[in-house]
């Protein structure tokens, strides 16, 4: 699910950036693009992460731990505080999977939300919100179609689709997997080195 959101900080709520957020029920942490993090001027400090994805186990990566972020839906004035998030140079996504009002028009069971969906906006995905922020993922309303038809889900951040792509699910040659597990290793202190057996 991908939704347009406005990102700001608790310290400076009036300085908002419009980005797309990928709502990922299979990732246990939240990520923000480095560009959006730098522009927001949120509180951050450098960390090293053990990152486990479909492509690798326990890859060590440099990142920044960012705190004080908040988001609101494109059509909402309600702000949601995000948990501490980690920076990533790029959050992969496919423009064909971004839901729009034109997509809603093509499905009769989604006709009631056409006016609640924006057109395609010229922004990248700047956030990946994982299940450590369940309020952003919780469905408030669901519009189901027939078997194998995409369905629409409303969260506090807006409406999105599951199972819809302008390129068609079976025709696309690009697949995205966003399952991410993160562990921030404990810092090594001098006593750890002294007590390590050789």
C-alpha atoms as a PDB file:
ATOM      1  CA  UNK A   1       0.000   0.000   0.000  1.00  0.00           C
ATOM      2  CA  UNK A   2       1.309   3.425  -0.961  1.00  0.00           C
ATOM      3  CA  UNK A   3      -0.223   6.724   0.205  1.00  0.00           C
ATOM      4  CA  UNK A   4       0.762  10.386  -0.174  1.00  0.00           C
ATOM      5  CA  UNK A   5       1.633  11.947   3.180  1.00  0.00           C
ATOM      6  CA  UNK A   6       2.991  15.183   4.599  1.00  0.00           C
ATOM      7  CA  UNK A   7       6.102  14.686   6.750  1.00  0.00           C
ATOM      8  CA  UNK A   8       7.206  17.155   9.397  1.00  0.00           C
ATOM      9  CA  UNK A   9       8.890  17.163  12.790  1.00  0.00           C
ATOM     10  CA  UNK A  10       7.491  17.703  16.264  1.00  0.00           C
ATOM     11  CA  UNK A  11       9.921  20.622  16.659  1.00  0.00           C
ATOM     12  CA  UNK A  12       8.878  22.308  13.401  1.00  0.00           C
ATOM     13  CA  UNK A  13       5.349  21.125  12.486  1.00  0.00           C
ATOM     14  CA  UNK A  14       4.728  23.847   9.892  1.00  0.00           C
ATOM     15  CA  UNK A  15       7.640  22.743   7.673  1.00  0.00           C
ATOM     16  CA  UNK A  16       5.997  19.878   5.765  1.00  0.00           C
ATOM     17  CA  UNK A  17       7.223  17.809   2.829  1.00  0.00           C
ATOM     18  CA  UNK A  18       4.892  15.864   0.564  1.00  0.00           C
ATOM     19  CA  UNK A  19       6.112  12.340  -0.175  1.00  0.00           C
ATOM     20  CA  UNK A  20       4.687   8.912  -0.791  1.00  0.00           C
ATOM     21  CA  UNK A  21       4.774   6.465   2.102  1.00  0.00           C
ATOM     22  CA  UNK A  22       4.918   2.721   1.610  1.00  0.00           C
ATOM     23  CA  UNK A  23       2.885   1.007   4.358  1.00  0.00           C
ATOM     24  CA  UNK A  24       4.638  -2.310   4.925  1.00  0.00           C
ATOM     25  CA  UNK A  25       3.083  -4.857   7.272  1.00  0.00           C
ATOM     26  CA  UNK A  26       6.097  -7.144   6.823  1.00  0.00           C
ATOM     27  CA  UNK A  27       8.847  -4.748   7.947  1.00  0.00           C
ATOM     28  CA  UNK A  28       9.533  -4.343  11.641  1.00  0.00           C
ATOM     29  CA  UNK A  29      10.951  -0.820  11.423  1.00  0.00           C
ATOM     30  CA  UNK A  30      10.360   2.495   9.732  1.00  0.00           C
ATOM     31  CA  UNK A  31      12.734   4.016   7.169  1.00  0.00           C
ATOM     32  CA  UNK A  32      13.037   7.503   5.739  1.00  0.00           C
ATOM     33  CA  UNK A  33      15.015   8.526   2.679  1.00  0.00           C
ATOM     34  CA  UNK A  34      18.212  10.417   3.453  1.00  0.00           C
ATOM     35  CA  UNK A  35      17.042  13.329   1.313  1.00  0.00           C
ATOM     36  CA  UNK A  36      13.774  13.747   3.229  1.00  0.00           C
ATOM     37  CA  UNK A  37      15.524  13.312   6.572  1.00  0.00           C
ATOM     38  CA  UNK A  38      18.124  15.961   5.742  1.00  0.00           C
ATOM     39  CA  UNK A  39      15.484  18.394   4.533  1.00  0.00           C
ATOM     40  CA  UNK A  40      13.372  17.912   7.668  1.00  0.00           C
ATOM     41  CA  UNK A  41      16.346  18.706   9.934  1.00  0.00           C
ATOM     42  CA  UNK A  42      15.045  16.155  12.445  1.00  0.00           C
ATOM     43  CA  UNK A  43      17.132  15.011  15.398  1.00  0.00           C
ATOM     44  CA  UNK A  44      19.443  12.196  14.277  1.00  0.00           C
ATOM     45  CA  UNK A  45      22.608  10.351  15.186  1.00  0.00           C
ATOM     46  CA  UNK A  46      24.742   7.826  13.265  1.00  0.00           C
ATOM     47  CA  UNK A  47      24.209   4.088  13.817  1.00  0.00           C
ATOM     48  CA  UNK A  48      25.201   0.790  12.249  1.00  0.00           C
ATOM     49  CA  UNK A  49      22.415  -1.660  11.455  1.00  0.00           C
ATOM     50  CA  UNK A  50      22.251  -5.394  10.900  1.00  0.00           C
ATOM     51  CA  UNK A  51      19.842  -5.551   7.999  1.00  0.00           C
ATOM     52  CA  UNK A  52      18.158  -8.784   6.909  1.00  0.00           C
ATOM     53  CA  UNK A  53      16.277  -8.824   3.608  1.00  0.00           C
ATOM     54  CA  UNK A  54      15.399 -11.356   0.908  1.00  0.00           C
ATOM     55  CA  UNK A  55      18.806 -10.642  -0.633  1.00  0.00           C
ATOM     56  CA  UNK A  56      21.026 -10.911   2.401  1.00  0.00           C
ATOM     57  CA  UNK A  57      21.289 -11.898   6.039  1.00  0.00           C
ATOM     58  CA  UNK A  58      22.825  -9.581   8.637  1.00  0.00           C
ATOM     59  CA  UNK A  59      24.347  -7.086   6.224  1.00  0.00           C
ATOM     60  CA  UNK A  60      25.991  -4.280   8.196  1.00  0.00           C
ATOM     61  CA  UNK A  61      24.997  -0.859   6.891  1.00  0.00           C
ATOM     62  CA  UNK A  62      25.611   2.688   8.044  1.00  0.00           C
ATOM     63  CA  UNK A  63      22.524   4.724   8.764  1.00  0.00           C
ATOM     64  CA  UNK A  64      21.153   7.534  10.907  1.00  0.00           C
ATOM     65  CA  UNK A  65      18.566   7.046  13.649  1.00  0.00           C
ATOM     66  CA  UNK A  66      16.002   9.837  13.242  1.00  0.00           C
ATOM     67  CA  UNK A  67      13.533  10.854  15.958  1.00  0.00           C
ATOM     68  CA  UNK A  68      10.742  13.380  16.230  1.00  0.00           C
ATOM     69  CA  UNK A  69       9.104  12.700  12.852  1.00  0.00           C
ATOM     70  CA  UNK A  70       5.374  12.875  12.263  1.00  0.00           C
ATOM     71  CA  UNK A  71       3.046  12.378   9.298  1.00  0.00           C
ATOM     72  CA  UNK A  72      -0.464  13.210   8.232  1.00  0.00           C
ATOM     73  CA  UNK A  73      -2.513  11.968   5.322  1.00  0.00           C
ATOM     74  CA  UNK A  74      -2.818  14.028   2.134  1.00  0.00           C
ATOM     75  CA  UNK A  75      -6.491  14.817   2.936  1.00  0.00           C
ATOM     76  CA  UNK A  76      -6.153  14.804   6.737  1.00  0.00           C
ATOM     77  CA  UNK A  77      -5.212  17.248   9.478  1.00  0.00           C
ATOM     78  CA  UNK A  78      -4.534  14.498  12.034  1.00  0.00           C
ATOM     79  CA  UNK A  79      -0.846  14.008  12.791  1.00  0.00           C
ATOM     80  CA  UNK A  80       0.693  10.678  13.765  1.00  0.00           C
ATOM     81  CA  UNK A  81       4.046  10.557  15.532  1.00  0.00           C
ATOM     82  CA  UNK A  82       6.430   8.054  13.984  1.00  0.00           C
ATOM     83  CA  UNK A  83       8.727   5.848  16.051  1.00  0.00           C
ATOM     84  CA  UNK A  84      12.471   6.403  15.690  1.00  0.00           C
ATOM     85  CA  UNK A  85      13.274   5.734  12.041  1.00  0.00           C
ATOM     86  CA  UNK A  86      16.380   4.839  10.054  1.00  0.00           C
ATOM     87  CA  UNK A  87      17.700   6.553   6.963  1.00  0.00           C
ATOM     88  CA  UNK A  88      18.143   4.779   3.656  1.00  0.00           C
ATOM     89  CA  UNK A  89      19.637   6.302   0.532  1.00  0.00           C
ATOM     90  CA  UNK A  90      16.715   5.027  -1.562  1.00  0.00           C
ATOM     91  CA  UNK A  91      13.426   3.244  -0.888  1.00  0.00           C
ATOM     92  CA  UNK A  92      12.596   1.059  -3.914  1.00  0.00           C
ATOM     93  CA  UNK A  93       9.144   1.363  -5.434  1.00  0.00           C
ATOM     94  CA  UNK A  94       7.320   1.067  -8.739  1.00  0.00           C
ATOM     95  CA  UNK A  95       5.306   4.057 -10.016  1.00  0.00           C
ATOM     96  CA  UNK A  96       2.823   1.570 -11.541  1.00  0.00           C
ATOM     97  CA  UNK A  97       1.799   0.540  -8.023  1.00  0.00           C
ATOM     98  CA  UNK A  98       0.934   4.033  -6.760  1.00  0.00           C
ATOM     99  CA  UNK A  99      -2.866   4.271  -6.467  1.00  0.00           C
ATOM    100  CA  UNK A 100      -4.608   7.179  -8.197  1.00  0.00           C
ATOM    101  CA  UNK A 101      -8.120   8.477  -8.804  1.00  0.00           C
ATOM    102  CA  UNK A 102      -7.856   7.214 -12.412  1.00  0.00           C
ATOM    103  CA  UNK A 103      -7.311   3.666 -11.148  1.00  0.00           C
ATOM    104  CA  UNK A 104     -10.339   3.990  -8.848  1.00  0.00           C
ATOM    105  CA  UNK A 105     -12.488   5.095 -11.808  1.00  0.00           C
ATOM    106  CA  UNK A 106     -11.714   1.812 -13.601  1.00  0.00           C
ATOM    107  CA  UNK A 107     -13.231  -0.334 -10.829  1.00  0.00           C
ATOM    108  CA  UNK A 108     -16.972  -0.027 -10.072  1.00  0.00           C
ATOM    109  CA  UNK A 109     -16.546  -1.148  -6.450  1.00  0.00           C
ATOM    110  CA  UNK A 110     -14.131   1.777  -5.897  1.00  0.00           C
ATOM    111  CA  UNK A 111     -16.361   4.477  -7.405  1.00  0.00           C
ATOM    112  CA  UNK A 112     -17.184   5.987  -4.004  1.00  0.00           C
ATOM    113  CA  UNK A 113     -13.534   6.875  -3.331  1.00  0.00           C
ATOM    114  CA  UNK A 114     -12.610   8.456  -6.681  1.00  0.00           C
ATOM    115  CA  UNK A 115     -12.819  11.950  -5.149  1.00  0.00           C
ATOM    116  CA  UNK A 116     -10.771  10.828  -2.144  1.00  0.00           C
ATOM    117  CA  UNK A 117      -7.816   9.701  -4.281  1.00  0.00           C
ATOM    118  CA  UNK A 118      -5.341  12.215  -5.712  1.00  0.00           C
ATOM    119  CA  UNK A 119      -3.949  11.964  -9.238  1.00  0.00           C
ATOM    120  CA  UNK A 120      -0.398  10.674  -9.641  1.00  0.00           C
ATOM    121  CA  UNK A 121       1.898  13.142  -7.890  1.00  0.00           C
ATOM    122  CA  UNK A 122       5.483  13.834  -8.921  1.00  0.00           C
ATOM    123  CA  UNK A 123       7.070  12.633  -5.666  1.00  0.00           C
ATOM    124  CA  UNK A 124       9.152   9.599  -4.790  1.00  0.00           C
ATOM    125  CA  UNK A 125       8.522   7.220  -1.921  1.00  0.00           C
ATOM    126  CA  UNK A 126      10.270   8.898   1.007  1.00  0.00           C
ATOM    127  CA  UNK A 127       9.008   6.671   3.820  1.00  0.00           C
ATOM    128  CA  UNK A 128       8.618   2.973   4.474  1.00  0.00           C
ATOM    129  CA  UNK A 129       6.456   2.598   7.577  1.00  0.00           C
ATOM    130  CA  UNK A 130       6.668  -0.788   9.263  1.00  0.00           C
ATOM    131  CA  UNK A 131       4.583  -2.524  11.895  1.00  0.00           C
ATOM    132  CA  UNK A 132       6.354  -0.677  14.711  1.00  0.00           C
ATOM    133  CA  UNK A 133       3.792   2.046  13.903  1.00  0.00           C
ATOM    134  CA  UNK A 134       0.549   0.014  13.811  1.00  0.00           C
ATOM    135  CA  UNK A 135      -1.766   3.030  13.819  1.00  0.00           C
ATOM    136  CA  UNK A 136      -0.682   3.897  10.272  1.00  0.00           C
ATOM    137  CA  UNK A 137      -1.384   0.356   9.044  1.00  0.00           C
ATOM    138  CA  UNK A 138      -4.718  -0.347  10.749  1.00  0.00           C
ATOM    139  CA  UNK A 139      -7.582  -0.644   8.220  1.00  0.00           C
ATOM    140  CA  UNK A 140     -10.553   1.628   8.945  1.00  0.00           C
ATOM    141  CA  UNK A 141     -12.611   0.566   5.947  1.00  0.00           C
ATOM    142  CA  UNK A 142     -12.199  -1.966   3.136  1.00  0.00           C
ATOM    143  CA  UNK A 143     -13.854  -2.025  -0.299  1.00  0.00           C
ATOM    144  CA  UNK A 144     -13.827  -5.524  -1.767  1.00  0.00           C
ATOM    145  CA  UNK A 145     -14.379  -6.451  -5.388  1.00  0.00           C
ATOM    146  CA  UNK A 146     -14.952  -9.832  -6.968  1.00  0.00           C
ATOM    147  CA  UNK A 147     -12.513 -12.727  -6.641  1.00  0.00           C
ATOM    148  CA  UNK A 148      -8.999 -11.737  -7.727  1.00  0.00           C
ATOM    149  CA  UNK A 149      -9.952  -8.071  -8.074  1.00  0.00           C
ATOM    150  CA  UNK A 150      -7.883  -5.464  -6.230  1.00  0.00           C
ATOM    151  CA  UNK A 151      -9.366  -4.071  -3.040  1.00  0.00           C
ATOM    152  CA  UNK A 152      -9.159  -0.623  -1.468  1.00  0.00           C
ATOM    153  CA  UNK A 153      -8.173  -0.049   2.146  1.00  0.00           C
ATOM    154  CA  UNK A 154      -8.529   3.127   4.170  1.00  0.00           C
ATOM    155  CA  UNK A 155      -6.061   3.861   6.974  1.00  0.00           C
ATOM    156  CA  UNK A 156      -5.538   7.031   9.008  1.00  0.00           C
ATOM    157  CA  UNK A 157      -3.173   8.117   6.222  1.00  0.00           C
ATOM    158  CA  UNK A 158      -5.698   7.711   3.395  1.00  0.00           C
ATOM    159  CA  UNK A 159      -6.945   5.223   0.807  1.00  0.00           C
ATOM    160  CA  UNK A 160      -4.719   2.758  -0.999  1.00  0.00           C
ATOM    161  CA  UNK A 161      -5.095  -0.354  -3.134  1.00  0.00           C
ATOM    162  CA  UNK A 162      -3.883  -3.890  -2.728  1.00  0.00           C
ATOM    163  CA  UNK A 163      -3.463  -5.989  -5.866  1.00  0.00           C
ATOM    164  CA  UNK A 164      -3.587  -3.151  -8.390  1.00  0.00           C
ATOM    165  CA  UNK A 165      -0.854  -2.180 -10.824  1.00  0.00           C
ATOM    166  CA  UNK A 166      -1.193  -0.252 -14.066  1.00  0.00           C
ATOM    167  CA  UNK A 167       1.173  -2.741 -15.684  1.00  0.00           C
ATOM    168  CA  UNK A 168      -0.842  -5.738 -14.450  1.00  0.00           C
ATOM    169  CA  UNK A 169       0.355  -8.123 -11.779  1.00  0.00           C
ATOM    170  CA  UNK A 170       1.276 -10.984 -14.110  1.00  0.00           C
ATOM    171  CA  UNK A 171       2.812  -8.872 -16.887  1.00  0.00           C
ATOM    172  CA  UNK A 172       5.394  -6.932 -14.928  1.00  0.00           C
ATOM    173  CA  UNK A 173       9.033  -7.999 -15.085  1.00  0.00           C
ATOM    174  CA  UNK A 174       9.929  -6.074 -11.929  1.00  0.00           C
ATOM    175  CA  UNK A 175       9.089  -7.443  -8.498  1.00  0.00           C
ATOM    176  CA  UNK A 176       9.622  -5.685  -5.182  1.00  0.00           C
ATOM    177  CA  UNK A 177      10.102  -7.363  -1.812  1.00  0.00           C
ATOM    178  CA  UNK A 178      10.067  -5.082   1.207  1.00  0.00           C
ATOM    179  CA  UNK A 179      10.369  -7.573   4.070  1.00  0.00           C
ATOM    180  CA  UNK A 180      13.027  -5.967   6.279  1.00  0.00           C
ATOM    181  CA  UNK A 181      14.291  -6.910   9.729  1.00  0.00           C
ATOM    182  CA  UNK A 182      16.586  -4.522  11.550  1.00  0.00           C
ATOM    183  CA  UNK A 183      18.780  -4.883  14.602  1.00  0.00           C
ATOM    184  CA  UNK A 184      20.835  -2.038  15.999  1.00  0.00           C
ATOM    185  CA  UNK A 185      23.865  -3.836  17.508  1.00  0.00           C
ATOM    186  CA  UNK A 186      24.937  -2.878  21.006  1.00  0.00           C
ATOM    187  CA  UNK A 187      27.962  -0.596  21.029  1.00  0.00           C
ATOM    188  CA  UNK A 188      31.249  -2.271  21.925  1.00  0.00           C
ATOM    189  CA  UNK A 189      32.738  -0.957  25.128  1.00  0.00           C
ATOM    190  CA  UNK A 190      36.397  -1.391  26.193  1.00  0.00           C
ATOM    191  CA  UNK A 191      35.518  -4.050  28.811  1.00  0.00           C
ATOM    192  CA  UNK A 192      33.979  -6.219  26.059  1.00  0.00           C
ATOM    193  CA  UNK A 193      37.316  -6.281  24.242  1.00  0.00           C
ATOM    194  CA  UNK A 194      39.281  -7.033  27.430  1.00  0.00           C
ATOM    195  CA  UNK A 195      36.930  -9.900  28.385  1.00  0.00           C
ATOM    196  CA  UNK A 196      36.861 -11.494  24.914  1.00  0.00           C
ATOM    197  CA  UNK A 197      38.638 -14.874  24.937  1.00  0.00           C
ATOM    198  CA  UNK A 198      41.234 -15.441  22.185  1.00  0.00           C
END
